[in-house]
Amino acid sequence: MMKSLLALLAVCALALLIPVSAHAQPLEPFGKIELSGGGEKESHMPSGGRFTAEALGVWPFMANFGVQGALHYVGGQGSRVGFNVAPVFAFDGGKVGLFVAYQHRGLRDTNFVYLIPSVAFYLPQWNLNAWYSQPVTGPQGGGHRTEYGVNRLQATGSYFAASDWWGPYLRRDDVELIGGLQLNTFAGSGHSKLGGTGFGPVLGASFRPMPGVAVNLVRATFDHEGRYRVATGLEFFFDAKGGTSLKDMRRKYLEPNFDGPQSAGKKKPHSNECRLRQPCTQ
């Protein structure tokens, strides 16, 4: 369970030794509110519509060290509320941090805590992000069902167009195309009870039509076990430089962002349990 966590921690430590000074991004005071709606399917859970609201903030103590935190609410099949917080270090060419995340899931009154090491590298027209989420709480029971936190390893690249050909309102570095891969449910206490390891793509497209506002046309993750999350929405940025491009806005904080509200799954009930409790509810 801990091998993947230790591996990503090693990558984060190595990042501090890689000089890419031309693309340094020091920490600055920054805030963001994100509102999105879409659909979701978790392990052994029914699919359905979801609404997510998240508020994120960064506060530096010095140019290369500070704290980042976020609060989130997810509405749909039961409400979910939670937060994540991390010390964040900025180095020449990226950022690294270790998040502690908490989520309360109202449907079965369960609570989960996650550790999320995260690292980002900044290239001329690319932001490269990688993070690993590991639940540190065990199974949680409620409503005659057992839920488990889901671990996830995700790596993405965001490409920002370097030309102005998108139109009069979409300038250089204001159009973002996201591609990547994610691997989930491959370790932890719920690995064998939630349908096994899932593997699939991460996709997204966003643009900044005006200062301080971004439109997320689509943000999506899928795996071959049928789990997914798809959403579209708006982001509102608060910083001292209202004309900052979307690429630079993304570099003011550290992922996970869209996937900040972590996932969980329900143990699939045995057929004899369903017979004893008719009807077999979700």
Protein backbone atom coordinates (compact mmCIF):
# COMPACT_ATOMS: atom_id res chain seq x y z
CA MET A 1 0.00 0.00 0.00
CA MET A 2 2.83 2.39 0.86
CA LYS A 3 5.15 1.59 -2.05
CA SER A 4 3.39 3.93 -4.48
CA LEU A 5 3.21 6.67 -1.85
CA LEU A 6 6.95 6.37 -1.14
CA ALA A 7 7.72 6.37 -4.87
CA LEU A 8 5.88 9.63 -5.47
CA LEU A 9 7.44 11.19 -2.39
CA ALA A 10 10.82 10.32 -3.88
CA VAL A 11 9.81 12.01 -7.13
CA CYS A 12 8.74 15.11 -5.21
CA ALA A 13 12.10 15.20 -3.41
CA LEU A 14 13.97 14.76 -6.69
CA ALA A 15 12.01 17.68 -8.16
CA LEU A 16 13.71 20.02 -5.75
CA LEU A 17 17.06 19.12 -7.35
CA ILE A 18 16.04 19.82 -10.97
CA PRO A 19 16.90 23.38 -12.09
CA VAL A 20 14.51 24.90 -14.64
CA SER A 21 15.04 28.52 -13.66
CA ALA A 22 13.60 30.03 -16.83
CA HIS A 23 10.11 29.00 -15.76
CA ALA A 24 10.15 29.68 -12.02
CA GLN A 25 6.83 30.61 -10.42
CA PRO A 26 7.18 32.01 -6.88
CA LEU A 27 4.30 31.80 -4.43
CA GLU A 28 1.92 34.77 -4.30
CA PRO A 29 -1.37 35.46 -2.47
CA PHE A 30 -4.07 33.87 -4.57
CA GLY A 31 -7.71 32.76 -4.38
CA LYS A 32 -10.09 30.82 -6.60
CA ILE A 33 -13.75 29.76 -6.55
CA GLU A 34 -14.87 26.93 -8.82
CA LEU A 35 -18.47 25.92 -9.60
CA SER A 36 -19.19 22.86 -11.74
CA GLY A 37 -21.90 20.38 -12.61
CA GLY A 38 -21.90 17.01 -14.32
CA GLY A 39 -22.13 13.27 -13.64
CA GLU A 40 -20.24 10.68 -11.60
CA LYS A 41 -20.04 6.92 -11.08
CA GLU A 42 -18.08 5.49 -8.13
CA SER A 43 -17.38 1.84 -7.27
CA HIS A 44 -20.65 -0.08 -6.77
CA MET A 45 -22.55 3.20 -6.58
CA PRO A 46 -25.35 4.32 -8.94
CA SER A 47 -24.41 6.97 -11.45
CA GLY A 48 -26.02 10.39 -11.20
CA GLY A 49 -25.72 14.14 -11.44
CA ARG A 50 -23.32 16.03 -9.20
CA PHE A 51 -22.78 19.69 -8.31
CA THR A 52 -19.42 20.78 -6.90
CA ALA A 53 -18.35 24.06 -5.29
CA GLU A 54 -14.75 24.62 -4.22
CA ALA A 55 -12.89 27.58 -2.72
CA LEU A 56 -9.08 27.51 -2.85
CA GLY A 57 -6.49 29.85 -1.40
CA VAL A 58 -2.69 30.22 -1.30
CA TRP A 59 -0.84 32.25 1.30
CA PRO A 60 2.96 32.59 1.08
CA PHE A 61 5.18 33.01 4.13
CA MET A 62 8.13 33.69 1.82
CA ALA A 63 8.78 33.58 -1.93
CA ASN A 64 9.28 29.82 -2.05
CA PHE A 65 7.25 28.54 0.90
CA GLY A 66 3.63 28.88 1.97
CA VAL A 67 0.39 27.07 2.61
CA GLN A 68 -2.44 26.08 0.26
CA GLY A 69 -5.91 25.05 1.34
CA ALA A 70 -9.32 24.35 -0.17
CA LEU A 71 -12.89 23.70 0.97
CA HIS A 72 -15.34 21.72 -1.14
CA TYR A 73 -18.99 20.72 -1.26
CA VAL A 74 -20.40 18.02 -3.55
CA GLY A 75 -24.16 17.62 -3.94
CA GLY A 76 -25.94 14.72 -5.60
CA GLN A 77 -26.29 11.24 -4.14
CA GLY A 78 -25.87 12.49 -0.61
CA SER A 79 -23.84 15.56 0.17
CA ARG A 80 -20.06 15.56 0.70
CA VAL A 81 -18.08 18.25 2.47
CA GLY A 82 -14.37 18.41 3.13
CA PHE A 83 -11.10 20.24 2.87
CA ASN A 84 -7.44 19.79 1.99
CA VAL A 85 -4.41 21.70 3.23
CA ALA A 86 -0.69 21.47 2.44
CA PRO A 87 2.65 23.16 2.95
CA VAL A 88 3.80 24.14 -0.56
CA PHE A 89 7.37 24.69 -1.74
CA ALA A 90 8.16 26.56 -4.96
CA PHE A 91 11.40 25.62 -6.72
CA ASP A 92 12.90 26.76 -10.02
CA GLY A 93 10.52 25.23 -12.51
CA GLY A 94 7.66 23.98 -10.36
CA LYS A 95 6.04 23.32 -6.99
CA VAL A 96 5.77 20.44 -4.56
CA GLY A 97 3.52 19.82 -1.54
CA LEU A 98 2.02 17.22 0.76
CA PHE A 99 -1.75 17.54 1.26
CA VAL A 100 -3.86 16.20 4.07
CA ALA A 101 -7.46 15.86 2.90
CA TYR A 102 -10.65 15.13 4.85
CA GLN A 103 -14.12 14.34 3.53
CA HIS A 104 -17.44 13.66 5.26
CA ARG A 105 -19.94 11.74 3.11
CA GLY A 106 -23.50 12.35 4.22
CA LEU A 107 -25.21 9.38 2.55
CA ARG A 108 -23.84 6.89 5.09
CA ASP A 109 -22.32 9.33 7.59
CA THR A 110 -18.74 8.20 6.83
CA ASN A 111 -15.46 10.09 7.19
CA PHE A 112 -12.21 9.64 5.26
CA VAL A 113 -8.70 11.10 5.52
CA TYR A 114 -6.18 11.03 2.66
CA LEU A 115 -2.49 11.88 2.19
CA ILE A 116 -1.76 13.43 -1.22
CA PRO A 117 1.84 14.17 -2.25
CA SER A 118 1.82 16.38 -5.34
CA VAL A 119 4.38 17.87 -7.74
CA ALA A 120 4.22 20.21 -10.76
CA PHE A 121 6.77 21.10 -13.45
CA TYR A 122 6.47 24.21 -15.64
CA LEU A 123 7.77 24.22 -19.22
CA PRO A 124 7.40 27.02 -21.81
CA GLN A 125 3.90 25.97 -22.98
CA TRP A 126 3.21 23.04 -20.66
CA ASN A 127 2.25 22.47 -17.03
CA LEU A 128 2.98 18.89 -15.93
CA ASN A 129 1.21 17.68 -12.79
CA ALA A 130 1.39 14.42 -10.83
CA TRP A 131 -0.18 13.43 -7.52
CA TYR A 132 -1.00 10.33 -5.53
CA SER A 133 -3.92 10.02 -3.10
CA GLN A 134 -3.75 7.39 -0.37
CA PRO A 135 -6.59 6.91 2.17
CA VAL A 136 -5.25 6.50 5.70
CA THR A 137 -8.60 5.68 7.32
CA GLY A 138 -9.99 2.16 7.23
CA PRO A 139 -13.45 0.97 6.14
CA GLN A 140 -16.41 2.99 7.35
CA GLY A 141 -19.84 1.47 7.99
CA GLY A 142 -23.27 3.03 7.60
CA GLY A 143 -26.73 2.08 6.35
CA HIS A 144 -25.87 -1.67 6.36
CA ARG A 145 -23.08 -0.97 3.86
CA THR A 146 -19.31 -0.54 4.09
CA GLU A 147 -17.42 2.23 2.27
CA TYR A 148 -13.70 2.35 1.52
CA GLY A 149 -11.51 5.25 0.48
CA VAL A 150 -10.09 4.96 -3.03
CA ASN A 151 -6.42 5.50 -3.81
CA ARG A 152 -5.44 7.19 -7.09
CA LEU A 153 -2.29 7.99 -9.05
CA GLN A 154 -2.79 10.69 -11.68
CA ALA A 155 -0.45 12.42 -14.13
CA THR A 156 -1.55 15.13 -16.57
CA GLY A 157 -0.10 17.62 -19.01
CA SER A 158 -1.78 20.97 -19.75
CA TYR A 159 -0.86 22.53 -23.08
CA PHE A 160 -1.41 26.28 -23.56
CA ALA A 161 -1.65 27.56 -27.13
CA ALA A 162 1.18 30.00 -27.92
CA SER A 163 -0.68 31.81 -30.72
CA ASP A 164 -3.57 34.31 -30.95
CA TRP A 165 -5.41 32.56 -33.76
CA TRP A 166 -8.25 31.45 -31.44
CA GLY A 167 -10.03 34.78 -31.89
CA PRO A 168 -10.07 38.37 -30.63
CA TYR A 169 -10.93 37.40 -27.03
CA LEU A 170 -8.66 34.37 -26.62
CA ARG A 171 -5.05 35.43 -26.49
CA ARG A 172 -1.77 33.61 -26.10
CA ASP A 173 -1.70 31.17 -23.13
CA ASP A 174 -5.47 31.51 -22.55
CA VAL A 175 -6.59 28.19 -24.10
CA GLU A 176 -5.79 25.01 -22.15
CA LEU A 177 -5.96 21.43 -23.43
CA ILE A 178 -5.48 18.66 -20.84
CA GLY A 179 -4.51 15.04 -21.34
CA GLY A 180 -3.28 12.39 -18.95
CA LEU A 181 -3.71 9.03 -17.29
CA GLN A 182 -5.02 7.82 -13.95
CA LEU A 183 -4.74 4.55 -12.05
CA ASN A 184 -7.06 3.90 -9.11
CA THR A 185 -8.11 1.27 -6.55
CA PHE A 186 -4.84 -0.64 -6.87
CA ALA A 187 -3.88 -0.66 -3.17
CA GLY A 188 -5.40 -0.31 0.27
CA SER A 189 -7.99 -2.14 2.29
CA GLY A 190 -10.71 -1.75 -0.33
CA HIS A 191 -8.69 -2.93 -3.34
CA SER A 192 -10.26 -6.39 -3.56
CA LYS A 193 -13.76 -5.25 -2.56
CA LEU A 194 -14.38 -2.35 -4.97
CA GLY A 195 -14.06 -4.05 -8.34
CA GLY A 196 -10.28 -4.03 -8.66
CA THR A 197 -7.77 -1.72 -10.31
CA GLY A 198 -9.09 0.88 -12.75
CA PHE A 199 -7.07 2.52 -15.52
CA GLY A 200 -8.11 5.27 -17.91
CA PRO A 201 -7.69 8.75 -19.39
CA VAL A 202 -7.94 12.25 -17.97
CA LEU A 203 -9.23 14.86 -20.43
CA GLY A 204 -10.05 18.56 -20.32
CA ALA A 205 -10.43 21.83 -22.20
CA SER A 206 -10.64 25.35 -20.74
CA PHE A 207 -10.28 28.96 -21.84
CA ARG A 208 -10.13 32.43 -20.25
CA PRO A 209 -12.63 34.77 -21.96
CA MET A 210 -11.98 37.74 -19.63
CA PRO A 211 -9.68 38.72 -16.75
CA GLY A 212 -10.28 36.64 -13.65
CA VAL A 213 -12.70 34.14 -15.24
CA ALA A 214 -12.09 30.72 -16.80
CA VAL A 215 -14.61 28.46 -18.55
CA ASN A 216 -14.03 24.73 -18.13
CA LEU A 217 -15.70 23.26 -21.20
CA VAL A 218 -15.06 19.74 -19.96
CA ARG A 219 -13.06 18.00 -17.25
CA ALA A 220 -13.33 14.22 -17.25
CA THR A 221 -11.78 11.06 -15.83
CA PHE A 222 -12.72 7.50 -16.84
CA ASP A 223 -11.51 4.00 -16.08
CA HIS A 224 -12.09 0.62 -17.69
CA GLU A 225 -14.16 -0.55 -14.69
CA GLY A 226 -16.91 1.94 -15.55
CA ARG A 227 -16.06 4.58 -12.94
CA TYR A 228 -16.06 8.18 -14.17
CA ARG A 229 -16.46 11.83 -13.34
CA VAL A 230 -17.42 14.42 -15.98
CA ALA A 231 -18.12 18.10 -15.35
CA THR A 232 -18.28 21.54 -16.88
CA GLY A 233 -18.19 24.85 -15.05
CA LEU A 234 -16.66 28.23 -14.22
CA GLU A 235 -13.68 29.41 -12.21
CA PHE A 236 -13.23 32.86 -10.67
CA PHE A 237 -9.68 33.96 -9.81
CA PHE A 238 -8.61 36.54 -7.23
CA ASP A 239 -5.08 37.90 -7.39
CA ALA A 240 -3.23 41.20 -7.65
CA LYS A 241 -2.67 40.86 -11.41
CA GLY A 242 -6.03 40.82 -13.13
CA GLY A 243 -4.54 40.46 -16.62
CA THR A 244 -2.64 37.25 -15.83
CA SER A 245 -3.00 34.53 -18.48
CA LEU A 246 -4.71 31.21 -17.79
CA LYS A 247 -1.34 29.45 -17.95
CA ASP A 248 0.08 31.67 -15.21
CA MET A 249 -3.10 31.35 -13.13
CA ARG A 250 -2.68 27.56 -13.14
CA ARG A 251 0.88 28.02 -11.87
CA LYS A 252 -0.20 29.96 -8.79
CA TYR A 253 -1.46 26.83 -6.99
CA LEU A 254 -0.74 23.12 -6.88
CA GLU A 255 -2.91 20.26 -8.08
CA PRO A 256 -5.06 18.30 -7.21
CA ASN A 257 -7.68 20.79 -8.30
CA PHE A 258 -10.69 19.33 -10.14
CA ASP A 259 -10.17 16.07 -8.25
CA GLY A 260 -9.74 17.69 -4.85
CA PRO A 261 -12.92 15.99 -3.53
CA GLN A 262 -11.51 12.47 -3.25
CA SER A 263 -13.36 9.29 -4.22
CA ALA A 264 -14.70 6.37 -2.23
CA GLY A 265 -16.61 3.22 -3.06
CA LYS A 266 -19.16 0.89 -1.49
CA LYS A 267 -18.50 -2.80 -0.91
CA LYS A 268 -20.71 -4.82 -3.22
CA PRO A 269 -23.37 -6.63 -1.14
CA HIS A 270 -23.51 -10.42 -1.33
CA SER A 271 -26.65 -11.92 -2.79
CA ASN A 272 -27.59 -13.55 0.54
CA GLU A 273 -27.41 -10.12 2.22
CA CYS A 274 -29.88 -8.81 -0.34
CA ARG A 275 -32.23 -11.70 0.32
CA LEU A 276 -32.13 -10.99 4.05
CA ARG A 277 -32.82 -7.26 3.54
CA GLN A 278 -35.41 -6.94 0.80
CA PRO A 279 -35.31 -4.66 -1.07
CA CYS A 280 -31.49 -4.44 -1.36
CA THR A 281 -31.02 -0.68 -1.17
CA GLN A 282 -28.07 1.34 -2.38
